[in-house]
Amino acid sequence: MRQQTIYAFNDEQALLAKIRYNRLVDIFSGVVCYSLQNHLRTTVPEMGQVETDELYVGVDKKGIHYVFPIQAKGGKDKLSIVQIEQDFAVCARKFPSLLCRPVAAQFMQNGVIALFEFEQSDTGVRISSEKHYKLVPPEEVTETDLDGYRRRAAD
């Protein structure tokens, strides 16, 4: 893992790779997922051509099926709410029987990855969940860390 870190870039593709390799969509959503397609380009009526950086599908323990369109922003790129609106439209068109849960990913300072989930409301699209993840090499996880995690699980 250390080699991956020293050779990794900080662009969109690097972010998507880290999310995929570390199964962050699964952890973030609580749904077992797999990557279905990268860079899905399609047409949505009244919108034209749209692109989603990566598309995951998943199923939860109750058997509910989901689609997770992912928008990734590396470097200094900024997320646009228009992209999330397009993701909702793509899901409604291409996957009408799946629950759509758009996610945006952004590199932050010090190697932190922020994930945001969105929902539609009466006032438009809004963030429904936000979590931050710091990927660390296994040798940096201490017994004290593991004890803390076990205590949290017991609560």
N, C-alpha and C. Protein backbone atom coordinates (compact mmCIF):
# COMPACT_ATOMS: atom_id res chain seq x y z
N MET A 1 0.84 -1.19 0.00
CA MET A 1 0.00 0.00 0.00
C MET A 1 0.88 1.25 0.00
N ARG A 2 2.00 1.19 0.62
CA ARG A 2 2.88 2.35 0.65
C ARG A 2 3.29 2.74 -0.77
N GLN A 3 3.61 1.75 -1.64
CA GLN A 3 3.99 2.04 -3.02
C GLN A 3 2.85 2.73 -3.76
N GLN A 4 1.63 2.25 -3.53
CA GLN A 4 0.48 2.87 -4.19
C GLN A 4 0.42 4.36 -3.82
N THR A 5 0.68 4.67 -2.56
CA THR A 5 0.61 6.04 -2.09
C THR A 5 1.66 6.93 -2.75
N ILE A 6 2.90 6.44 -2.86
CA ILE A 6 3.94 7.30 -3.41
C ILE A 6 3.81 7.49 -4.91
N TYR A 7 3.12 6.58 -5.60
CA TYR A 7 2.96 6.71 -7.03
C TYR A 7 1.61 7.28 -7.44
N ALA A 8 0.71 7.45 -6.49
CA ALA A 8 -0.65 7.90 -6.80
C ALA A 8 -0.66 9.39 -7.14
N PHE A 9 -1.59 9.74 -7.99
CA PHE A 9 -1.81 11.14 -8.34
C PHE A 9 -2.92 11.70 -7.46
N ASN A 10 -3.28 12.95 -7.69
CA ASN A 10 -4.38 13.53 -6.91
C ASN A 10 -5.51 13.97 -7.83
N ASP A 11 -5.63 13.32 -8.99
CA ASP A 11 -6.69 13.68 -9.92
C ASP A 11 -7.92 12.80 -9.71
N GLU A 12 -8.91 13.03 -10.54
CA GLU A 12 -10.18 12.31 -10.46
C GLU A 12 -10.00 10.80 -10.55
N GLN A 13 -9.16 10.34 -11.47
CA GLN A 13 -8.96 8.90 -11.64
C GLN A 13 -8.30 8.27 -10.41
N ALA A 14 -7.36 8.98 -9.82
CA ALA A 14 -6.72 8.48 -8.60
C ALA A 14 -7.73 8.39 -7.46
N LEU A 15 -8.58 9.37 -7.36
CA LEU A 15 -9.62 9.37 -6.32
C LEU A 15 -10.56 8.19 -6.51
N LEU A 16 -11.02 7.97 -7.74
CA LEU A 16 -11.92 6.85 -8.02
C LEU A 16 -11.24 5.52 -7.71
N ALA A 17 -9.96 5.40 -8.02
CA ALA A 17 -9.23 4.16 -7.74
C ALA A 17 -9.13 3.90 -6.24
N LYS A 18 -8.85 4.94 -5.47
CA LYS A 18 -8.76 4.77 -4.01
C LYS A 18 -10.12 4.40 -3.42
N ILE A 19 -11.16 5.00 -3.93
CA ILE A 19 -12.52 4.68 -3.46
C ILE A 19 -12.84 3.22 -3.78
N ARG A 20 -12.53 2.80 -4.98
CA ARG A 20 -12.83 1.42 -5.41
C ARG A 20 -11.99 0.42 -4.62
N TYR A 21 -10.69 0.63 -4.56
CA TYR A 21 -9.77 -0.31 -3.91
C TYR A 21 -10.10 -0.49 -2.43
N ASN A 22 -10.49 0.58 -1.76
CA ASN A 22 -10.77 0.54 -0.33
C ASN A 22 -12.25 0.35 0.01
N ARG A 23 -13.06 0.12 -1.03
CA ARG A 23 -14.49 -0.17 -0.87
C ARG A 23 -15.21 0.92 -0.07
N LEU A 24 -14.85 2.17 -0.33
CA LEU A 24 -15.43 3.27 0.43
C LEU A 24 -16.91 3.49 0.16
N VAL A 25 -17.39 3.15 -1.04
CA VAL A 25 -18.83 3.31 -1.31
C VAL A 25 -19.61 2.35 -0.42
N ASP A 26 -19.11 1.12 -0.27
CA ASP A 26 -19.75 0.14 0.61
C ASP A 26 -19.78 0.65 2.06
N ILE A 27 -18.62 1.11 2.54
CA ILE A 27 -18.50 1.57 3.91
C ILE A 27 -19.39 2.80 4.14
N PHE A 28 -19.34 3.73 3.23
CA PHE A 28 -20.12 4.98 3.34
C PHE A 28 -21.62 4.72 3.31
N SER A 29 -22.06 3.86 2.41
CA SER A 29 -23.49 3.66 2.20
C SER A 29 -24.09 2.56 3.06
N GLY A 30 -23.26 1.63 3.54
CA GLY A 30 -23.78 0.49 4.27
C GLY A 30 -24.41 -0.55 3.36
N VAL A 31 -24.10 -0.47 2.07
CA VAL A 31 -24.65 -1.36 1.05
C VAL A 31 -23.49 -2.07 0.36
N VAL A 32 -23.63 -3.37 0.12
CA VAL A 32 -22.61 -4.10 -0.63
C VAL A 32 -22.73 -3.68 -2.09
N CYS A 33 -21.66 -3.14 -2.64
CA CYS A 33 -21.69 -2.54 -3.98
C CYS A 33 -20.57 -3.09 -4.86
N TYR A 34 -20.76 -2.90 -6.16
CA TYR A 34 -19.65 -3.13 -7.08
C TYR A 34 -19.73 -2.10 -8.20
N SER A 35 -18.56 -1.82 -8.73
CA SER A 35 -18.46 -0.85 -9.82
C SER A 35 -19.01 -1.48 -11.09
N LEU A 36 -19.99 -0.85 -11.68
CA LEU A 36 -20.61 -1.34 -12.90
C LEU A 36 -19.93 -0.77 -14.14
N GLN A 37 -19.64 0.54 -14.11
CA GLN A 37 -19.07 1.18 -15.29
C GLN A 37 -18.41 2.49 -14.90
N ASN A 38 -17.30 2.79 -15.59
CA ASN A 38 -16.63 4.08 -15.45
C ASN A 38 -17.07 4.98 -16.59
N HIS A 39 -17.11 6.25 -16.33
CA HIS A 39 -17.39 7.27 -17.33
C HIS A 39 -18.57 6.92 -18.23
N LEU A 40 -19.70 6.74 -17.61
CA LEU A 40 -20.92 6.48 -18.35
C LEU A 40 -21.35 7.76 -19.05
N ARG A 41 -21.38 7.69 -20.37
CA ARG A 41 -21.89 8.81 -21.17
C ARG A 41 -23.20 8.36 -21.79
N THR A 42 -24.20 9.17 -21.59
CA THR A 42 -25.51 8.83 -22.13
C THR A 42 -26.27 10.12 -22.40
N THR A 43 -27.42 9.96 -22.98
CA THR A 43 -28.27 11.12 -23.27
C THR A 43 -29.53 11.04 -22.43
N VAL A 44 -29.92 12.16 -21.88
CA VAL A 44 -31.14 12.27 -21.10
C VAL A 44 -32.03 13.29 -21.81
N PRO A 45 -33.29 12.92 -22.12
CA PRO A 45 -34.18 13.88 -22.77
C PRO A 45 -34.23 15.20 -22.00
N GLU A 46 -34.25 16.28 -22.74
CA GLU A 46 -34.32 17.65 -22.22
C GLU A 46 -33.05 18.10 -21.50
N MET A 47 -32.03 17.22 -21.43
CA MET A 47 -30.74 17.60 -20.84
C MET A 47 -29.62 17.47 -21.85
N GLY A 48 -29.76 16.50 -22.73
CA GLY A 48 -28.70 16.23 -23.69
C GLY A 48 -27.73 15.21 -23.15
N GLN A 49 -26.47 15.30 -23.59
CA GLN A 49 -25.46 14.34 -23.17
C GLN A 49 -24.98 14.66 -21.76
N VAL A 50 -24.90 13.61 -20.93
CA VAL A 50 -24.39 13.75 -19.57
C VAL A 50 -23.37 12.66 -19.31
N GLU A 51 -22.50 12.89 -18.33
CA GLU A 51 -21.49 11.90 -17.98
C GLU A 51 -21.42 11.74 -16.47
N THR A 52 -21.35 10.49 -16.05
CA THR A 52 -21.15 10.15 -14.64
C THR A 52 -19.77 9.51 -14.53
N ASP A 53 -18.99 9.92 -13.55
CA ASP A 53 -17.61 9.43 -13.44
C ASP A 53 -17.55 7.92 -13.21
N GLU A 54 -18.38 7.41 -12.33
CA GLU A 54 -18.42 5.97 -12.09
C GLU A 54 -19.80 5.61 -11.59
N LEU A 55 -20.21 4.39 -11.88
CA LEU A 55 -21.53 3.92 -11.51
C LEU A 55 -21.39 2.62 -10.74
N TYR A 56 -21.95 2.60 -9.54
CA TYR A 56 -21.98 1.39 -8.71
C TYR A 56 -23.42 0.92 -8.60
N VAL A 57 -23.60 -0.39 -8.46
CA VAL A 57 -24.90 -0.94 -8.10
C VAL A 57 -24.68 -1.77 -6.85
N GLY A 58 -25.74 -1.90 -6.05
CA GLY A 58 -25.60 -2.63 -4.81
C GLY A 58 -26.92 -3.12 -4.28
N VAL A 59 -26.82 -3.97 -3.28
CA VAL A 59 -28.00 -4.53 -2.62
C VAL A 59 -27.73 -4.54 -1.12
N ASP A 60 -28.75 -4.18 -0.33
CA ASP A 60 -28.58 -4.18 1.11
C ASP A 60 -29.10 -5.49 1.72
N LYS A 61 -29.03 -5.61 3.03
CA LYS A 61 -29.39 -6.86 3.69
C LYS A 61 -30.89 -7.15 3.63
N LYS A 62 -31.69 -6.17 3.23
CA LYS A 62 -33.13 -6.39 3.06
C LYS A 62 -33.48 -6.72 1.61
N GLY A 63 -32.48 -6.75 0.74
CA GLY A 63 -32.71 -7.07 -0.66
C GLY A 63 -33.05 -5.87 -1.54
N ILE A 64 -32.95 -4.66 -1.01
CA ILE A 64 -33.23 -3.45 -1.78
C ILE A 64 -32.04 -3.19 -2.71
N HIS A 65 -32.34 -2.90 -3.97
CA HIS A 65 -31.30 -2.65 -4.97
C HIS A 65 -31.12 -1.14 -5.17
N TYR A 66 -29.85 -0.74 -5.29
CA TYR A 66 -29.49 0.68 -5.41
C TYR A 66 -28.59 0.90 -6.61
N VAL A 67 -28.58 2.13 -7.07
CA VAL A 67 -27.59 2.59 -8.03
C VAL A 67 -26.95 3.84 -7.43
N PHE A 68 -25.61 3.86 -7.48
CA PHE A 68 -24.83 4.95 -6.91
C PHE A 68 -24.02 5.61 -8.02
N PRO A 69 -24.51 6.70 -8.59
CA PRO A 69 -23.66 7.46 -9.52
C PRO A 69 -22.65 8.26 -8.71
N ILE A 70 -21.40 8.21 -9.12
CA ILE A 70 -20.32 8.86 -8.38
C ILE A 70 -19.74 9.99 -9.22
N GLN A 71 -19.65 11.16 -8.62
CA GLN A 71 -18.95 12.29 -9.23
C GLN A 71 -17.69 12.52 -8.40
N ALA A 72 -16.53 12.47 -9.02
CA ALA A 72 -15.27 12.62 -8.31
C ALA A 72 -14.58 13.91 -8.74
N LYS A 73 -14.02 14.59 -7.76
CA LYS A 73 -13.31 15.83 -8.03
C LYS A 73 -11.93 15.77 -7.39
N GLY A 74 -10.92 15.80 -8.21
CA GLY A 74 -9.55 15.80 -7.72
C GLY A 74 -8.96 17.18 -7.86
N GLY A 75 -7.79 17.34 -7.27
CA GLY A 75 -7.09 18.63 -7.38
C GLY A 75 -7.93 19.77 -6.86
N LYS A 76 -8.04 20.82 -7.66
CA LYS A 76 -8.79 22.00 -7.23
C LYS A 76 -10.18 22.08 -7.88
N ASP A 77 -10.59 21.00 -8.56
CA ASP A 77 -11.92 20.98 -9.20
C ASP A 77 -13.01 21.08 -8.14
N LYS A 78 -14.11 21.70 -8.52
CA LYS A 78 -15.25 21.89 -7.61
C LYS A 78 -16.46 21.14 -8.14
N LEU A 79 -17.23 20.62 -7.22
CA LEU A 79 -18.45 19.91 -7.56
C LEU A 79 -19.53 20.90 -7.98
N SER A 80 -20.31 20.49 -8.98
CA SER A 80 -21.44 21.30 -9.43
C SER A 80 -22.72 20.55 -9.11
N ILE A 81 -23.69 21.23 -8.53
CA ILE A 81 -24.97 20.61 -8.20
C ILE A 81 -25.69 20.16 -9.47
N VAL A 82 -25.38 20.80 -10.60
CA VAL A 82 -25.96 20.41 -11.89
C VAL A 82 -25.59 18.95 -12.20
N GLN A 83 -24.36 18.55 -11.88
CA GLN A 83 -23.95 17.17 -12.12
C GLN A 83 -24.78 16.19 -11.29
N ILE A 84 -25.10 16.55 -10.08
CA ILE A 84 -25.91 15.68 -9.22
C ILE A 84 -27.34 15.60 -9.76
N GLU A 85 -27.87 16.71 -10.22
CA GLU A 85 -29.20 16.71 -10.83
C GLU A 85 -29.20 15.81 -12.07
N GLN A 86 -28.12 15.87 -12.85
CA GLN A 86 -28.01 15.00 -14.02
C GLN A 86 -27.93 13.54 -13.60
N ASP A 87 -27.23 13.25 -12.51
CA ASP A 87 -27.15 11.87 -12.02
C ASP A 87 -28.53 11.34 -11.64
N PHE A 88 -29.33 12.14 -10.98
CA PHE A 88 -30.70 11.72 -10.65
C PHE A 88 -31.48 11.42 -11.94
N ALA A 89 -31.30 12.27 -12.95
CA ALA A 89 -32.01 12.08 -14.22
C ALA A 89 -31.54 10.81 -14.93
N VAL A 90 -30.24 10.55 -14.93
CA VAL A 90 -29.70 9.33 -15.55
C VAL A 90 -30.27 8.10 -14.86
N CYS A 91 -30.29 8.10 -13.55
CA CYS A 91 -30.82 6.96 -12.80
C CYS A 91 -32.30 6.73 -13.10
N ALA A 92 -33.06 7.81 -13.14
CA ALA A 92 -34.49 7.68 -13.43
C ALA A 92 -34.71 7.10 -14.82
N ARG A 93 -33.86 7.46 -15.75
CA ARG A 93 -34.00 7.01 -17.14
C ARG A 93 -33.46 5.59 -17.36
N LYS A 94 -32.25 5.32 -16.83
CA LYS A 94 -31.57 4.05 -17.11
C LYS A 94 -31.87 2.96 -16.09
N PHE A 95 -32.19 3.35 -14.86
CA PHE A 95 -32.39 2.38 -13.78
C PHE A 95 -33.65 2.71 -12.98
N PRO A 96 -34.80 2.74 -13.62
CA PRO A 96 -36.02 3.21 -12.94
C PRO A 96 -36.45 2.33 -11.77
N SER A 97 -36.03 1.07 -11.72
CA SER A 97 -36.44 0.19 -10.62
C SER A 97 -35.47 0.20 -9.44
N LEU A 98 -34.34 0.92 -9.56
CA LEU A 98 -33.35 0.98 -8.49
C LEU A 98 -33.47 2.30 -7.74
N LEU A 99 -33.14 2.27 -6.46
CA LEU A 99 -33.10 3.51 -5.67
C LEU A 99 -31.80 4.23 -5.99
N CYS A 100 -31.92 5.49 -6.37
CA CYS A 100 -30.76 6.29 -6.77
C CYS A 100 -30.21 7.03 -5.56
N ARG A 101 -28.91 6.86 -5.33
CA ARG A 101 -28.22 7.53 -4.22
C ARG A 101 -26.93 8.17 -4.74
N PRO A 102 -27.03 9.36 -5.33
CA PRO A 102 -25.83 10.02 -5.87
C PRO A 102 -24.82 10.34 -4.78
N VAL A 103 -23.55 10.16 -5.14
CA VAL A 103 -22.44 10.41 -4.22
C VAL A 103 -21.42 11.28 -4.94
N ALA A 104 -20.86 12.22 -4.21
CA ALA A 104 -19.74 13.01 -4.71
C ALA A 104 -18.54 12.74 -3.82
N ALA A 105 -17.36 12.72 -4.45
CA ALA A 105 -16.12 12.48 -3.72
C ALA A 105 -15.16 13.62 -4.02
N GLN A 106 -14.41 14.01 -3.00
CA GLN A 106 -13.48 15.13 -3.15
C GLN A 106 -12.24 14.86 -2.31
N PHE A 107 -11.07 15.06 -2.90
CA PHE A 107 -9.85 15.05 -2.10
C PHE A 107 -9.84 16.29 -1.23
N MET A 108 -9.42 16.12 0.02
CA MET A 108 -9.25 17.24 0.93
C MET A 108 -7.78 17.29 1.34
N GLN A 109 -7.45 18.18 2.24
CA GLN A 109 -6.07 18.31 2.70
C GLN A 109 -5.63 17.06 3.46
N ASN A 110 -4.33 16.81 3.45
CA ASN A 110 -3.71 15.72 4.21
C ASN A 110 -4.21 14.34 3.81
N GLY A 111 -4.59 14.17 2.55
CA GLY A 111 -4.98 12.87 2.06
C GLY A 111 -6.35 12.39 2.48
N VAL A 112 -7.15 13.27 3.02
CA VAL A 112 -8.50 12.91 3.44
C VAL A 112 -9.42 12.89 2.22
N ILE A 113 -10.32 11.91 2.19
CA ILE A 113 -11.33 11.81 1.13
C ILE A 113 -12.68 12.11 1.75
N ALA A 114 -13.38 13.08 1.20
CA ALA A 114 -14.73 13.42 1.66
C ALA A 114 -15.74 12.80 0.70
N LEU A 115 -16.76 12.15 1.27
CA LEU A 115 -17.86 11.61 0.48
C LEU A 115 -19.15 12.29 0.93
N PHE A 116 -19.97 12.65 -0.06
CA PHE A 116 -21.24 13.31 0.18
C PHE A 116 -22.34 12.53 -0.52
N GLU A 117 -23.44 12.29 0.17
CA GLU A 117 -24.60 11.69 -0.49
C GLU A 117 -25.67 12.76 -0.62
N PHE A 118 -26.44 12.68 -1.69
CA PHE A 118 -27.45 13.69 -1.99
C PHE A 118 -28.84 13.07 -2.04
N GLU A 119 -29.82 13.93 -1.80
CA GLU A 119 -31.22 13.53 -1.93
C GLU A 119 -32.00 14.68 -2.55
N GLN A 120 -33.13 14.32 -3.13
CA GLN A 120 -34.01 15.35 -3.69
C GLN A 120 -35.03 15.73 -2.63
N SER A 121 -35.30 17.03 -2.54
CA SER A 121 -36.30 17.52 -1.59
C SER A 121 -37.21 18.51 -2.33
N ASP A 122 -38.17 19.03 -1.63
CA ASP A 122 -39.09 20.01 -2.22
C ASP A 122 -38.36 21.26 -2.68
N THR A 123 -37.24 21.56 -2.06
CA THR A 123 -36.48 22.77 -2.41
C THR A 123 -35.31 22.49 -3.35
N GLY A 124 -35.17 21.23 -3.80
CA GLY A 124 -34.10 20.87 -4.72
C GLY A 124 -33.19 19.82 -4.13
N VAL A 125 -32.03 19.69 -4.72
CA VAL A 125 -31.05 18.69 -4.29
C VAL A 125 -30.30 19.22 -3.09
N ARG A 126 -30.11 18.34 -2.09
CA ARG A 126 -29.35 18.75 -0.91
C ARG A 126 -28.49 17.59 -0.42
N ILE A 127 -27.48 17.91 0.37
CA ILE A 127 -26.61 16.89 0.96
C ILE A 127 -27.36 16.22 2.09
N SER A 128 -27.40 14.88 2.06
CA SER A 128 -28.07 14.14 3.14
C SER A 128 -27.07 13.49 4.09
N SER A 129 -25.83 13.32 3.64
CA SER A 129 -24.81 12.68 4.47
C SER A 129 -23.43 13.12 4.00
N GLU A 130 -22.53 13.29 4.95
CA GLU A 130 -21.14 13.63 4.65
C GLU A 130 -20.23 12.90 5.62
N LYS A 131 -19.21 12.24 5.08
CA LYS A 131 -18.22 11.57 5.93
C LYS A 131 -16.84 11.76 5.32
N HIS A 132 -15.84 11.75 6.20
CA HIS A 132 -14.46 11.94 5.77
C HIS A 132 -13.66 10.69 6.13
N TYR A 133 -12.76 10.29 5.23
CA TYR A 133 -11.96 9.09 5.41
C TYR A 133 -10.48 9.40 5.22
N LYS A 134 -9.68 8.91 6.14
CA LYS A 134 -8.22 9.04 6.04
C LYS A 134 -7.67 7.63 5.87
N LEU A 135 -7.09 7.35 4.70
CA LEU A 135 -6.51 6.05 4.43
C LEU A 135 -5.10 6.00 5.02
N VAL A 136 -4.86 4.97 5.80
CA VAL A 136 -3.55 4.84 6.44
C VAL A 136 -2.99 3.45 6.15
N PRO A 137 -1.67 3.34 6.06
CA PRO A 137 -1.06 2.02 5.87
C PRO A 137 -1.35 1.13 7.08
N PRO A 138 -1.49 -0.17 6.87
CA PRO A 138 -1.82 -1.09 7.98
C PRO A 138 -0.86 -1.00 9.15
N GLU A 139 0.42 -0.77 8.87
CA GLU A 139 1.40 -0.72 9.96
C GLU A 139 1.22 0.50 10.87
N GLU A 140 0.41 1.45 10.45
CA GLU A 140 0.15 2.63 11.29
C GLU A 140 -1.08 2.47 12.17
N VAL A 141 -1.80 1.36 12.04
CA VAL A 141 -2.96 1.10 12.89
C VAL A 141 -2.45 0.40 14.15
N THR A 142 -2.67 1.03 15.31
CA THR A 142 -2.13 0.52 16.57
C THR A 142 -3.16 -0.34 17.31
N GLU A 143 -2.68 -1.06 18.31
CA GLU A 143 -3.58 -1.83 19.17
C GLU A 143 -4.55 -0.90 19.90
N THR A 144 -4.10 0.28 20.26
CA THR A 144 -4.97 1.26 20.90
C THR A 144 -6.11 1.65 19.96
N ASP A 145 -5.79 1.84 18.67
CA ASP A 145 -6.83 2.13 17.68
C ASP A 145 -7.85 1.00 17.62
N LEU A 146 -7.35 -0.24 17.54
CA LEU A 146 -8.24 -1.40 17.44
C LEU A 146 -9.10 -1.55 18.68
N ASP A 147 -8.54 -1.30 19.86
CA ASP A 147 -9.33 -1.34 21.10
C ASP A 147 -10.44 -0.30 21.06
N GLY A 148 -10.13 0.88 20.57
CA GLY A 148 -11.14 1.95 20.45
C GLY A 148 -12.26 1.56 19.52
N TYR A 149 -11.92 0.92 18.40
CA TYR A 149 -12.94 0.49 17.45
C TYR A 149 -13.84 -0.58 18.08
N ARG A 150 -13.23 -1.52 18.82
CA ARG A 150 -14.02 -2.57 19.47
C ARG A 150 -14.97 -1.98 20.50
N ARG A 151 -14.51 -0.99 21.26
CA ARG A 151 -15.37 -0.35 22.26
C ARG A 151 -16.55 0.35 21.59
N ARG A 152 -16.30 1.01 20.46
CA ARG A 152 -17.39 1.67 19.73
C ARG A 152 -18.41 0.66 19.23
N ALA A 153 -17.93 -0.50 18.76
CA ALA A 153 -18.83 -1.53 18.25
C ALA A 153 -19.72 -2.11 19.34
N ALA A 154 -19.21 -2.12 20.58
CA ALA A 154 -19.95 -2.68 21.71
C ALA A 154 -21.05 -1.73 22.19
N ASP A 155 -20.89 -0.45 21.90
CA ASP A 155 -21.90 0.55 22.37
C ASP A 155 -23.19 0.48 21.63
